Protein backbone atom coordinates (compact mmCIF):
# COMPACT_ATOMS: atom_id res chain seq x y z
CA MET A 1 -0.59 -1.58 -12.08
CA ALA A 2 -3.36 0.87 -11.20
CA ASP A 3 -6.86 -0.50 -10.77
CA PRO A 4 -8.94 0.97 -13.63
CA ALA A 5 -12.18 0.41 -11.69
CA GLU A 6 -11.09 2.25 -8.53
CA GLY A 7 -13.19 5.25 -7.57
CA ILE A 8 -16.41 6.16 -5.78
CA ALA A 9 -19.64 4.18 -6.10
CA VAL A 10 -23.00 5.92 -6.53
CA ASP A 11 -23.64 5.63 -2.78
CA GLY A 12 -20.38 7.41 -1.94
CA THR A 13 -18.49 4.30 -0.87
CA ILE A 14 -15.13 3.05 -2.15
CA ARG A 15 -15.24 1.09 -5.40
CA THR A 16 -12.46 -1.18 -6.65
CA GLY A 17 -12.12 -3.81 -9.36
CA VAL A 18 -10.87 -6.73 -7.27
CA ASP A 19 -12.63 -9.96 -8.17
CA ARG A 20 -11.68 -13.61 -7.75
CA ARG A 21 -12.75 -14.22 -11.34
CA LEU A 22 -10.12 -11.76 -12.63
CA VAL A 23 -7.13 -13.73 -11.33
CA PRO A 24 -5.26 -14.96 -14.43
CA VAL A 25 -5.14 -18.76 -14.70
CA ASP A 26 -1.32 -18.67 -14.84
CA PHE A 27 -1.28 -17.42 -11.25
CA GLU A 28 -3.60 -20.06 -9.82
CA PRO A 29 -0.67 -22.37 -8.89
CA VAL A 30 0.86 -19.58 -6.80
CA LEU A 31 -2.38 -19.03 -4.92
CA ALA A 32 -2.88 -22.76 -4.43
CA ALA A 33 0.61 -23.09 -2.96
CA ALA A 34 0.01 -20.09 -0.69
CA VAL A 35 -3.29 -21.56 0.51
CA GLU A 36 -1.49 -24.80 1.32
CA ALA A 37 1.13 -22.90 3.33
CA ALA A 38 -1.51 -20.88 5.20
CA ALA A 39 -3.39 -24.05 6.14
CA ILE A 40 -0.49 -25.11 8.37
CA ASP A 41 -1.27 -22.17 10.68
CA HIS A 42 -5.05 -22.26 10.03
CA ALA A 43 -4.63 -18.69 8.82
CA SER A 44 -6.96 -16.44 6.85
CA LEU A 45 -5.43 -15.64 3.47
CA TYR A 46 -6.21 -12.94 0.90
CA VAL A 47 -4.76 -11.74 -2.39
CA TYR A 48 -4.70 -8.06 -3.32
CA GLY A 49 -3.05 -5.76 -5.83
CA SER A 50 -2.62 -6.45 -9.53
CA VAL A 51 -3.34 -10.20 -9.25
CA ALA A 52 -6.68 -9.45 -7.55
CA ASN A 53 -7.79 -6.84 -10.09
CA GLY A 54 -6.50 -8.65 -13.18
CA THR A 55 -3.80 -6.14 -14.21
CA VAL A 56 -0.83 -8.31 -13.22
CA ARG A 57 2.10 -8.57 -15.62
CA PRO A 58 3.74 -12.01 -15.66
CA GLY A 59 7.45 -11.81 -15.00
CA SER A 60 7.48 -8.23 -13.67
CA SER A 61 4.72 -8.01 -11.04
CA ASP A 62 4.65 -9.21 -7.46
CA VAL A 63 2.00 -11.51 -6.05
CA ASP A 64 0.71 -9.63 -3.00
CA LEU A 65 -0.91 -11.67 -0.25
CA LEU A 66 -2.23 -10.86 3.22
CA ALA A 67 -2.25 -13.47 5.96
CA ILE A 68 -4.01 -13.05 9.30
CA GLY A 69 -2.73 -15.36 12.01
CA MET A 70 0.20 -16.85 10.09
CA PRO A 71 3.48 -16.83 12.05
CA SER A 72 5.22 -18.60 9.16
CA ALA A 73 4.30 -15.89 6.61
CA ALA A 74 7.84 -14.57 6.03
CA ALA A 75 9.36 -18.02 5.54
CA ALA A 76 6.52 -19.07 3.25
CA ALA A 77 6.93 -15.94 1.14
CA GLN A 78 10.61 -16.67 0.69
CA ARG A 79 9.96 -20.26 -0.40
CA LEU A 80 7.20 -19.27 -2.81
CA SER A 81 9.29 -16.47 -4.32
CA VAL A 82 11.99 -18.97 -5.22
CA ARG A 83 9.51 -21.55 -6.48
CA PHE A 84 7.70 -19.12 -8.78
CA GLU A 85 10.58 -16.83 -9.76
CA ALA A 86 9.92 -17.46 -13.46
CA LEU A 87 6.35 -16.20 -13.15
CA CYS A 88 6.60 -13.19 -10.85
CA ARG A 89 9.10 -10.80 -9.33
CA GLY A 90 8.31 -12.12 -5.88
CA VAL A 91 5.60 -13.46 -3.58
CA GLU A 92 4.98 -11.06 -0.71
CA ILE A 93 2.89 -12.12 2.29
CA ALA A 94 1.96 -9.28 4.65
CA SER A 95 1.25 -10.58 8.14
CA ALA A 96 -1.45 -9.34 10.53
CA THR A 97 -3.44 -10.45 13.55
CA VAL A 98 -7.14 -10.42 14.40
CA SER A 99 -6.54 -7.51 16.78
CA ASP A 100 -5.29 -5.46 13.81
CA VAL A 101 -8.83 -5.72 12.43
CA ASP A 102 -10.89 -5.32 15.60
CA ALA A 103 -9.28 -2.40 17.43
CA ASP A 104 -10.94 1.02 17.73
CA THR A 105 -8.11 2.98 16.12
CA ASP A 106 -7.36 4.79 12.87
CA ALA A 107 -5.01 1.96 11.95
CA ALA A 108 -7.66 -0.72 12.48
CA TYR A 109 -10.24 1.28 10.54
CA GLY A 110 -7.85 1.60 7.63
CA PHE A 111 -7.17 -2.12 7.84
CA ARG A 112 -10.89 -2.88 7.66
CA VAL A 113 -11.29 -0.59 4.65
CA PHE A 114 -8.40 -2.34 2.94
CA LEU A 115 -9.70 -5.80 3.79
CA ARG A 116 -13.23 -5.05 2.60
CA HIS A 117 -12.43 -3.23 -0.62
CA TYR A 118 -8.98 -4.33 -1.81
CA CYS A 119 -8.64 -7.99 -0.84
CA VAL A 120 -10.00 -11.23 -2.30
CA HIS A 121 -10.50 -14.03 0.21
CA LEU A 122 -8.65 -17.27 -0.53
CA ALA A 123 -8.68 -19.45 2.60
CA GLY A 124 -9.53 -19.62 6.31
CA MET A 125 -12.09 -17.53 8.12
CA ASP A 126 -13.14 -14.52 6.05
CA LEU A 127 -12.86 -11.56 8.43
CA ALA A 128 -14.13 -9.23 5.72
CA ALA A 129 -17.43 -11.06 5.30
CA GLY A 130 -19.36 -8.95 7.80
CA LEU A 131 -17.73 -5.63 7.03
CA PRO A 132 -19.78 -2.84 5.41
CA HIS A 133 -18.89 -0.80 2.37
CA HIS A 134 -16.87 2.15 3.62
CA PRO A 135 -17.30 5.80 2.57
CA ALA A 136 -14.60 7.32 0.39
CA ASP A 137 -13.80 10.07 2.87
CA ALA A 138 -11.15 11.60 5.08
CA ARG A 139 -11.56 8.90 7.71
CA ALA A 140 -10.61 6.22 5.18
CA ALA A 141 -7.72 8.33 3.87
CA ARG A 142 -6.51 8.85 7.44
CA GLY A 143 -6.82 5.13 8.16
CA PHE A 144 -4.62 4.37 5.16
CA ASN A 145 -1.91 7.01 5.60
CA GLY A 146 -2.36 8.92 8.84
CA ASP A 147 0.93 7.36 9.96
CA ILE A 148 2.94 9.30 7.37
CA ALA A 149 4.55 11.50 10.07
CA GLN A 150 5.60 8.41 12.04
CA HIS A 151 7.17 6.94 8.90
CA TRP A 152 8.96 10.22 8.22
CA ARG A 153 10.63 10.16 11.63
CA ARG A 154 11.68 6.53 11.18
CA TRP A 155 13.10 7.30 7.73
CA GLN A 156 15.15 10.14 9.17
CA GLN A 157 16.53 7.81 11.84
CA ALA A 158 17.32 5.13 9.25
CA LEU A 159 19.14 7.67 7.08
CA ASP A 160 21.21 8.94 10.00
CA SER A 161 22.09 5.46 11.23
CA GLY A 162 22.82 4.00 7.81
CA THR A 163 20.94 0.82 8.72
CA VAL A 164 18.93 0.79 5.48
CA ALA A 165 20.45 0.86 2.00
CA ASP A 166 19.80 4.11 0.15
CA GLU A 167 18.00 2.34 -2.70
CA VAL A 168 15.67 0.52 -0.30
CA LEU A 169 15.02 3.64 1.75
CA GLY A 170 14.32 5.71 -1.34
CA ARG A 171 11.74 3.23 -2.58
CA ARG A 172 10.04 3.18 0.82
CA VAL A 173 9.99 6.96 1.01
CA GLY A 174 8.64 7.27 -2.52
CA ARG A 175 5.92 4.64 -2.25
CA LYS A 176 4.53 5.64 1.14
CA THR A 177 4.72 9.39 0.58
CA LEU A 178 3.02 9.11 -2.80
CA LEU A 179 0.29 6.96 -1.25
CA ALA A 180 -0.30 9.82 1.18
CA VAL A 181 -0.41 12.15 -1.83
CA ALA A 182 -3.14 9.92 -3.29
CA GLY A 183 -5.12 10.51 -0.09
CA LEU A 184 -4.65 14.26 -0.46
CA VAL A 185 -5.84 14.12 -4.07
CA SER A 186 -8.83 11.98 -3.08
CA ILE A 187 -10.04 14.54 -0.54
CA HIS A 188 -9.11 17.62 -2.56
CA ASP A 189 -10.86 16.39 -5.71
CA HIS A 190 -13.74 14.55 -3.98
CA THR A 191 -12.70 11.30 -5.59
CA TRP A 192 -10.96 8.11 -4.45
CA THR A 193 -7.63 6.82 -5.68
CA THR A 194 -4.52 4.99 -4.54
CA ASP A 195 -2.73 5.50 -7.86
CA ARG A 196 0.65 6.96 -6.90
CA VAL A 197 1.78 8.17 -10.31
CA ARG A 198 -1.45 9.84 -11.38
CA SER A 199 -1.87 11.36 -7.93
CA ALA A 200 1.62 12.84 -8.11
CA GLU A 201 0.79 14.45 -11.45
CA ARG A 202 -2.43 15.88 -10.07
CA TRP A 203 -0.74 17.22 -6.92
CA CYS A 204 1.85 18.92 -9.09
CA GLU A 205 -1.06 20.96 -10.46
CA VAL A 206 -2.36 21.75 -6.97
CA GLU A 207 1.10 22.55 -5.54
CA PRO A 208 3.34 23.44 -8.52
CA THR A 209 6.31 24.31 -6.32
CA GLU A 210 6.49 20.65 -5.23
CA ALA A 211 6.53 19.24 -8.78
CA GLY A 212 10.25 18.54 -9.08
CA ALA A 213 10.45 16.75 -5.75
CA LEU A 214 7.28 14.76 -6.45
CA HIS A 215 8.65 13.59 -9.78
CA GLN A 216 11.79 12.45 -8.00
CA LEU A 217 9.68 10.43 -5.53
CA VAL A 218 7.95 8.76 -8.48
CA ARG A 219 11.31 7.79 -9.96
CA TRP A 220 12.40 6.31 -6.62
CA ALA A 221 9.11 4.49 -6.08
CA THR A 222 9.18 2.94 -9.54
CA MET A 223 12.93 2.21 -9.31
CA VAL A 224 13.66 4.25 -12.42
CA GLU A 225 16.25 6.22 -10.47
CA ARG A 226 18.56 5.06 -7.71
CA PRO A 227 18.57 7.68 -4.94
CA VAL A 228 21.77 9.23 -3.71
CA ARG A 229 22.37 10.22 -0.11
CA VAL A 230 22.28 13.98 -0.67
CA ASP A 231 18.86 13.78 -2.38
CA LEU A 232 17.46 11.52 0.36
CA ARG A 233 18.67 13.95 2.98
CA SER A 234 17.00 16.82 1.13
CA ALA A 235 13.70 14.94 0.75
CA LEU A 236 13.63 13.99 4.44
CA ALA A 237 14.80 17.31 5.88
CA ASP A 238 12.50 19.69 7.71
CA GLY A 239 10.99 21.72 4.89
CA GLY A 240 11.62 18.94 2.34
CA ILE A 241 8.99 17.21 0.22
CA VAL A 242 8.05 14.62 2.85
CA SER A 243 7.66 17.38 5.44
CA ALA A 244 5.41 19.29 3.03
CA ILE A 245 3.19 16.26 2.45
CA VAL A 246 3.01 15.58 6.20
CA ASP A 247 1.92 19.19 6.79
CA SER A 248 -0.74 19.02 4.06
CA PHE A 249 -2.01 15.69 5.35
CA ALA A 250 -2.21 17.00 8.93
CA ARG A 251 -4.17 20.05 7.76
CA ASP A 252 -6.57 18.41 5.29
CA ILE A 253 -7.03 14.87 6.65
CA GLY A 254 -5.41 14.43 10.05
CA LEU A 255 -2.63 12.27 11.44
CA TRP A 256 -2.68 9.27 13.74
CA PRO A 257 -1.88 9.96 17.38
CA ASP A 258 1.78 9.36 18.17
CA GLY A 259 2.44 5.84 19.37
């Protein structure tokens, strides 16, 4: 679910609605179990997404967690997903390291923005405690999605090799590309959003010729439509919708250096 409080604060910094007090009581057992799992590795643990901003839907939403310094994150996520399958679609634990936060790169800057504005601390050392409020600007948008060209190349390789199921690949393509579209909308409209669906609708107004392809990405991202190989190939081709978004992002925001 989109965060209704997301936008720009009066000082020009990113504003979100994440708050520990907004976590529904029904989800407290999930967080408690995750904290217990993170303690084994002495990891820092955060919750983000719909649970953190109070828009979670029991039974159909994921519980999104971020662990820093937790080698057992994947195994813990699998166990918790089974344990709480009646409450949520799954428990996802993204894994990171301290160096992901500290480096002097676009990726690390985006990580710091995400940690400071989108995550609620649950356990371990709080690496967001000393971080400032970050401006809602092109640097933040680039930190979030300046890797869109790198993803595009990997998606093309995955399509050619057949190593990723079409349905999985389509969802990845839709979600990441539309998040880049949200960055484009943020800079174009002098606002701040990560709402994929609303951003797609707005970008259809800015670039009407891309409307049909953008709507298809929304259907893939929300799993309303199962992609077929010919449509994936069209979306990922040179001159396709992903290529168009990469070009717009490179022009208006900037891409990460290749690496």
